[in-house]
Protein backbone atom coordinates (compact mmCIF):
# COMPACT_ATOMS: atom_id res chain seq x y z
CA MET A 1 27.08 19.59 -22.28
CA GLN A 2 29.49 17.02 -21.04
CA THR A 3 28.32 14.25 -19.21
CA VAL A 4 30.01 11.40 -17.18
CA ARG A 5 28.91 8.08 -15.77
CA ALA A 6 28.11 8.11 -12.02
CA THR A 7 30.72 5.97 -10.23
CA GLY A 8 31.91 5.33 -6.81
CA TRP A 9 28.96 3.98 -4.96
CA HIS A 10 30.97 2.42 -2.48
CA CYS A 11 32.94 5.68 -1.74
CA LEU A 12 29.49 7.19 -1.01
CA ALA A 13 28.23 4.35 1.15
CA GLU A 14 29.40 6.20 4.32
CA THR A 15 27.98 9.51 3.21
CA ARG A 16 24.44 10.59 2.58
CA ILE A 17 22.61 10.47 -0.89
CA ASP A 18 19.31 11.84 -1.76
CA LEU A 19 17.68 11.27 -5.04
CA HIS A 20 14.23 12.73 -4.33
CA THR A 21 13.87 16.28 -3.30
CA HIS A 22 11.74 19.40 -4.14
CA SER A 23 12.53 23.14 -4.14
CA ASP A 24 10.29 26.19 -4.13
CA CYS A 25 10.17 25.73 -8.02
CA SER A 26 7.56 23.32 -7.30
CA ASP A 27 6.03 22.63 -3.83
CA GLY A 28 9.10 22.71 -1.52
CA LEU A 29 9.86 25.64 0.70
CA LEU A 30 13.64 26.14 0.10
CA SER A 31 15.10 27.86 -3.24
CA PRO A 32 17.49 25.44 -5.05
CA ASP A 33 20.44 27.37 -3.39
CA GLY A 34 18.97 26.94 -0.09
CA LEU A 35 18.41 23.12 -0.68
CA VAL A 36 22.06 22.73 -1.67
CA ALA A 37 23.05 24.77 1.21
CA LEU A 38 21.17 22.54 3.59
CA ALA A 39 22.42 19.27 1.80
CA GLN A 40 26.07 20.54 2.30
CA THR A 41 25.38 20.81 6.06
CA ARG A 42 23.79 17.39 6.12
CA ALA A 43 27.12 15.92 4.41
CA VAL A 44 25.00 14.90 1.24
CA GLY A 45 27.34 13.52 -1.02
CA MET A 46 25.06 13.25 -4.03
CA LEU A 47 21.79 15.09 -4.72
CA ALA A 48 19.05 15.18 -7.07
CA LEU A 49 16.51 17.99 -7.49
CA THR A 50 13.17 16.26 -8.54
CA ASP A 51 10.70 19.02 -8.56
CA HIS A 52 7.00 18.11 -9.89
CA ASP A 53 6.53 18.57 -13.41
CA THR A 54 9.38 21.07 -13.84
CA VAL A 55 13.17 21.24 -14.33
CA ALA A 56 13.27 24.99 -13.72
CA GLY A 57 15.34 24.66 -10.46
CA CYS A 58 17.94 22.30 -12.03
CA ALA A 59 20.25 24.99 -13.52
CA ALA A 60 20.55 26.84 -10.09
CA ALA A 61 21.09 23.57 -8.20
CA ARG A 62 23.67 22.47 -10.53
CA ARG A 63 25.79 25.71 -10.02
CA ALA A 64 25.25 25.55 -6.18
CA CYS A 65 26.33 21.87 -6.20
CA GLN A 66 29.32 22.58 -8.13
CA LYS A 67 30.43 25.29 -5.66
CA ALA A 68 29.61 23.00 -2.60
CA GLY A 69 31.36 19.99 -4.05
CA VAL A 70 28.12 18.07 -4.10
CA ARG A 71 27.52 15.56 -7.03
CA PHE A 72 24.29 16.86 -8.78
CA VAL A 73 21.73 14.81 -10.71
CA ALA A 74 19.25 16.71 -12.82
CA GLY A 75 15.88 15.23 -12.11
CA ILE A 76 11.99 15.58 -12.27
CA GLU A 77 8.96 14.06 -10.63
CA LEU A 78 6.47 13.35 -13.19
CA SER A 79 2.55 12.68 -12.48
CA CYS A 80 0.84 10.13 -14.60
CA GLY A 81 -2.20 8.19 -14.56
CA TRP A 82 -2.58 4.19 -14.38
CA ARG A 83 -5.99 2.62 -13.89
CA GLY A 84 -7.52 5.80 -12.44
CA LEU A 85 -4.65 6.26 -9.98
CA GLU A 86 -2.17 9.03 -9.86
CA ILE A 87 1.30 7.63 -10.07
CA HIS A 88 4.59 9.38 -9.72
CA VAL A 89 7.66 8.63 -11.75
CA LEU A 90 11.09 10.05 -11.15
CA GLY A 91 13.38 11.00 -14.04
CA LEU A 92 16.90 11.00 -12.97
CA ALA A 93 19.82 12.29 -15.07
CA VAL A 94 17.74 14.08 -17.52
CA ASP A 95 18.70 16.47 -20.00
CA ASP A 96 16.96 19.56 -18.40
CA ALA A 97 16.94 21.40 -21.79
CA HIS A 98 15.51 18.66 -23.69
CA PRO A 99 12.58 20.21 -25.96
CA GLU A 100 10.45 16.97 -25.59
CA LEU A 101 10.57 17.04 -21.66
CA LEU A 102 10.05 20.85 -21.64
CA GLN A 103 6.92 20.32 -24.03
CA HIS A 104 5.61 17.71 -21.58
CA CYS A 105 6.18 19.94 -18.53
CA ALA A 106 4.22 22.79 -20.28
CA ALA A 107 1.34 20.31 -20.72
CA GLN A 108 1.46 19.22 -17.05
CA LEU A 109 1.43 22.84 -15.90
CA ALA A 110 -1.85 23.43 -17.90
CA ARG A 111 -3.27 20.51 -16.31
CA ARG A 112 -2.37 21.59 -12.81
CA ARG A 113 -3.95 25.01 -13.43
CA GLU A 114 -7.11 23.40 -14.54
CA ARG A 115 -7.19 21.05 -11.54
CA LEU A 116 -6.59 23.81 -9.01
CA THR A 117 -9.24 26.03 -10.58
CA GLY A 118 -11.85 22.95 -10.07
CA ILE A 119 -10.65 22.63 -6.48
CA GLY A 120 -11.42 26.31 -5.97
CA GLU A 121 -14.87 25.82 -7.41
CA ARG A 122 -15.31 22.72 -5.34
CA LEU A 123 -14.45 24.55 -2.07
CA ASN A 124 -16.55 27.47 -3.12
CA ARG A 125 -19.71 25.05 -3.15
CA ALA A 126 -18.52 23.70 0.27
CA GLY A 127 -18.82 27.19 1.68
CA LEU A 128 -15.17 28.19 1.69
CA PRO A 129 -13.61 31.12 -0.18
CA GLY A 130 -12.14 28.60 -2.61
CA SER A 131 -11.30 31.07 -5.38
CA SER A 132 -9.22 33.23 -3.13
CA LEU A 133 -7.67 30.06 -1.60
CA VAL A 134 -6.42 28.89 -4.80
CA GLN A 135 -5.53 32.30 -6.07
CA ALA A 136 -1.96 32.34 -4.54
CA ALA A 137 -1.41 28.60 -5.40
CA LEU A 138 -2.20 29.41 -9.10
CA ALA A 139 0.57 32.10 -8.96
CA ALA A 140 3.13 29.39 -8.12
CA PRO A 141 5.60 28.23 -10.67
CA VAL A 142 3.97 24.92 -10.44
CA PRO A 143 0.75 24.97 -8.64
CA THR A 144 0.14 21.78 -6.42
CA ARG A 145 -2.55 20.78 -3.88
CA THR A 146 0.16 21.26 -1.31
CA HIS A 147 -0.05 24.95 -2.03
CA VAL A 148 -3.94 24.94 -1.48
CA ALA A 149 -3.36 22.78 1.61
CA ARG A 150 -0.92 25.49 2.97
CA ALA A 151 -3.64 28.19 2.22
CA LEU A 152 -6.17 26.28 4.00
CA HIS A 153 -3.97 26.10 6.99
CA ASP A 154 -2.92 29.66 6.91
CA ALA A 155 -6.62 30.87 6.74
CA GLY A 156 -7.53 28.87 9.68
CA TRP A 157 -9.46 26.02 7.80
CA ALA A 158 -7.15 23.34 9.10
CA PRO A 159 -4.83 23.01 12.02
CA ASP A 160 -1.89 21.91 9.81
CA VAL A 161 -1.38 20.79 6.17
CA PRO A 162 -1.79 17.26 6.51
CA SER A 163 -5.22 17.89 8.13
CA ALA A 164 -6.07 20.11 5.22
CA PHE A 165 -5.63 17.34 2.91
CA GLU A 166 -7.57 14.94 5.08
CA ARG A 167 -10.38 17.27 5.48
CA TRP A 168 -10.76 19.05 2.41
CA LEU A 169 -8.59 17.68 -0.48
CA ALA A 170 -8.33 13.95 -0.25
CA ARG A 171 -10.39 11.63 -2.38
CA GLY A 172 -13.89 11.76 -1.37
CA ARG A 173 -13.60 15.10 0.37
CA PRO A 174 -15.32 18.40 -0.51
CA GLY A 175 -12.23 19.74 -2.58
CA HIS A 176 -11.07 16.75 -4.13
CA GLN A 177 -10.50 17.13 -7.98
CA GLY A 178 -8.76 14.70 -10.15
CA ALA A 179 -6.58 15.50 -13.10
CA GLN A 180 -6.34 13.86 -16.56
CA TRP A 181 -2.74 12.96 -16.19
CA PRO A 182 -0.78 11.35 -19.29
CA GLY A 183 -0.55 7.50 -19.22
CA LEU A 184 2.46 5.68 -17.82
CA ASP A 185 3.73 5.06 -21.46
CA VAL A 186 3.74 8.70 -22.51
CA THR A 187 5.58 9.64 -19.22
CA LEU A 188 8.21 6.91 -19.57
CA GLY A 189 8.64 8.07 -23.03
CA SER A 190 9.37 11.74 -22.16
CA ILE A 191 11.98 10.72 -19.65
CA SER A 192 13.62 8.34 -22.08
CA ALA A 193 13.64 11.04 -24.85
CA ALA A 194 15.39 13.33 -22.51
CA GLY A 195 18.24 10.58 -21.75
CA GLY A 196 16.82 10.00 -18.16
CA VAL A 197 16.36 6.94 -15.94
CA ALA A 198 12.96 6.27 -14.84
CA VAL A 199 12.45 5.36 -11.18
CA LEU A 200 8.89 4.47 -9.78
CA ALA A 201 8.49 6.76 -6.75
CA HIS A 202 7.12 5.76 -3.22
CA PRO A 203 5.57 2.42 -4.23
CA HIS A 204 4.23 1.97 -0.71
CA ARG A 205 2.00 4.99 -0.91
CA TYR A 206 -0.49 3.79 -3.70
CA PRO A 207 -3.62 2.12 -2.61
CA LEU A 208 -3.10 -1.05 -4.51
CA LYS A 209 -3.53 -4.67 -3.57
CA THR A 210 -0.40 -6.73 -3.69
CA THR A 211 -1.22 -8.26 -7.04
CA HIS A 212 -2.08 -4.81 -8.59
CA LEU A 213 1.19 -3.09 -7.32
CA ASP A 214 3.03 -6.07 -8.97
CA GLU A 215 1.17 -5.44 -12.14
CA LEU A 216 2.01 -1.82 -11.93
CA VAL A 217 5.69 -2.64 -11.33
CA ALA A 218 5.79 -5.11 -14.36
CA GLN A 219 4.28 -2.71 -16.68
CA PHE A 220 6.54 0.07 -15.47
CA LYS A 221 9.49 -2.27 -16.10
CA ALA A 222 8.24 -3.22 -19.65
CA GLY A 223 7.82 0.37 -20.71
CA GLY A 224 11.47 1.01 -19.96
CA GLY A 225 11.34 1.77 -16.05
CA ALA A 226 14.88 1.06 -14.37
CA GLY A 227 14.59 1.71 -10.80
CA LEU A 228 12.38 1.66 -7.63
CA GLU A 229 12.49 3.56 -4.58
CA VAL A 230 13.44 0.91 -1.92
CA SER A 231 14.79 3.44 0.82
CA LEU A 232 12.57 6.36 1.51
CA SER A 233 11.88 8.59 4.41
CA GLY A 234 8.74 7.37 6.26
CA MET A 235 8.75 3.81 4.87
CA SER A 236 8.14 1.22 7.47
CA PRO A 237 10.36 -1.78 7.39
CA ALA A 238 7.71 -3.90 6.19
CA ALA A 239 7.07 -1.60 3.28
CA ALA A 240 10.73 -1.33 2.44
CA ASP A 241 10.97 -5.18 2.50
CA ARG A 242 7.96 -5.12 0.01
CA ALA A 243 9.61 -2.70 -2.22
CA ALA A 244 13.08 -4.76 -2.14
CA THR A 245 11.01 -7.88 -2.97
CA LEU A 246 9.32 -6.15 -6.02
CA ALA A 247 12.76 -4.69 -7.14
CA ARG A 248 14.44 -8.23 -7.12
CA ARG A 249 11.40 -9.92 -8.69
CA HIS A 250 11.35 -7.30 -11.64
CA GLY A 251 15.24 -6.68 -12.00
CA LEU A 252 14.95 -3.03 -10.95
CA ALA A 253 17.71 -1.01 -9.28
CA GLY A 254 17.02 0.52 -5.94
CA SER A 255 16.69 4.30 -5.41
CA ILE A 256 17.33 6.30 -2.20
CA GLY A 257 15.70 9.34 -1.37
CA SER A 258 13.87 11.57 1.44
CA ASP A 259 10.98 13.27 -0.69
CA PHE A 260 12.24 16.38 1.18
CA HIS A 261 10.11 19.44 1.09
CA GLU A 262 10.71 21.49 3.86
CA PRO A 263 13.07 21.69 6.99
CA ASP A 264 10.42 21.60 9.68
CA LEU A 265 9.31 17.98 8.65
CA SER A 266 11.44 16.02 10.95
CA TRP A 267 10.20 12.71 9.54
CA ARG A 268 11.68 13.80 5.96
CA PRO A 269 15.26 14.84 6.80
CA LEU A 270 17.31 15.57 3.81
CA GLY A 271 19.92 12.85 2.91
CA ARG A 272 19.87 9.22 3.64
CA PHE A 273 22.95 6.85 4.06
CA ALA A 274 23.61 5.08 0.81
CA LYS A 275 22.84 1.53 1.99
CA LEU A 276 20.47 -0.80 -0.11
CA PRO A 277 19.09 -4.20 0.76
CA ASP A 278 20.91 -7.18 -0.35
CA ARG A 279 20.99 -8.23 -4.00
CA ILE A 280 19.66 -4.67 -5.10
CA GLU A 281 21.83 -2.92 -7.63
CA PRO A 282 22.10 0.87 -6.83
CA ILE A 283 20.48 3.19 -9.22
CA THR A 284 23.62 5.38 -9.33
CA ALA A 285 25.19 2.72 -11.75
CA LEU A 286 22.80 3.77 -14.34
CA LEU A 287 23.05 7.40 -13.85
CA ARG A 288 24.89 10.14 -15.70
CA GLN A 289 25.71 13.36 -13.82
CA VAL A 290 26.56 16.66 -15.39
CA ALA A 291 30.48 16.96 -15.09
């Protein structure tokens, strides 16, 4: 498979770019084809598909991008553990057929199924029909807590999906169930083996003090991490400034994305203008794209 270096960041500067999106191959609502079709209407010039713990949608998204004239980046969002917290790392420009990455995804799928089974049991004990609520989620290609939250909403146990998390699934709530995710080093190793570029996702969402977040970013960089999300939908100006400061301090490139899941979430629109804070190298300088 021929690959080329991504070039022309400046020519993308007046168009939109999105290096963090999800399809129905994980917990998004659009198919890979539907995601690309929306990206085309949104004038997205470069798109990465980064489904949770799977690259199953990359082939379809690649073909759709080629037809639409959108520059495609094969990606993934991997869950890992760090000091008892769940951390997410994007792998961009990965070889989506690499055996080690596919083996990693298979192990993640088993962990996810085990986690959701535990969530169902906990919801049962809380008086909800937990087993039936998680049944449909377990049938998804990559079962996630978002699938359970949607089931809770659809069954009338929560007014919306965010409320389902807050009432039932968040830490300390009746349906909360952790997972034994692999460590940061293992996750970075799988991305590296597949030729990918590792980006620490949404640093502002982790419940870490400033010093601990700095330690996480330092360990991420030492393990081979290359980038940090510094422009993401929903980031406050203060959070964006902190992310930019971390990127400069640790010599990490800046990545841009929406964390898009579904069209009806107005605060996560697909595509962002390709502008970065001062003195931040664009992650696109490090990416390889499928020709």
